[in-house]
């Protein structure tokens, strides 16, 4: 009886430790996804901004003539 209780307690400790490690891994995965999405958004907005600025400059120069 005592041996089975010990094994059960050890198993519970290991499960708790693994659960904590998995939560940490999940947080890291989410952080990486957010960073990737943020990088894509910043790149897209920068590109769109530069292109629209160029287009507005062309329109303004053609109106000035």
Foldseek 3Di string as FASTA:
>chain_A
DVVVVVVVVVVVVVVVVVVVVVVVVVVVVVVVVVVVVVVVVVVVVVVVVVVVVVVVVVVVVVVVD
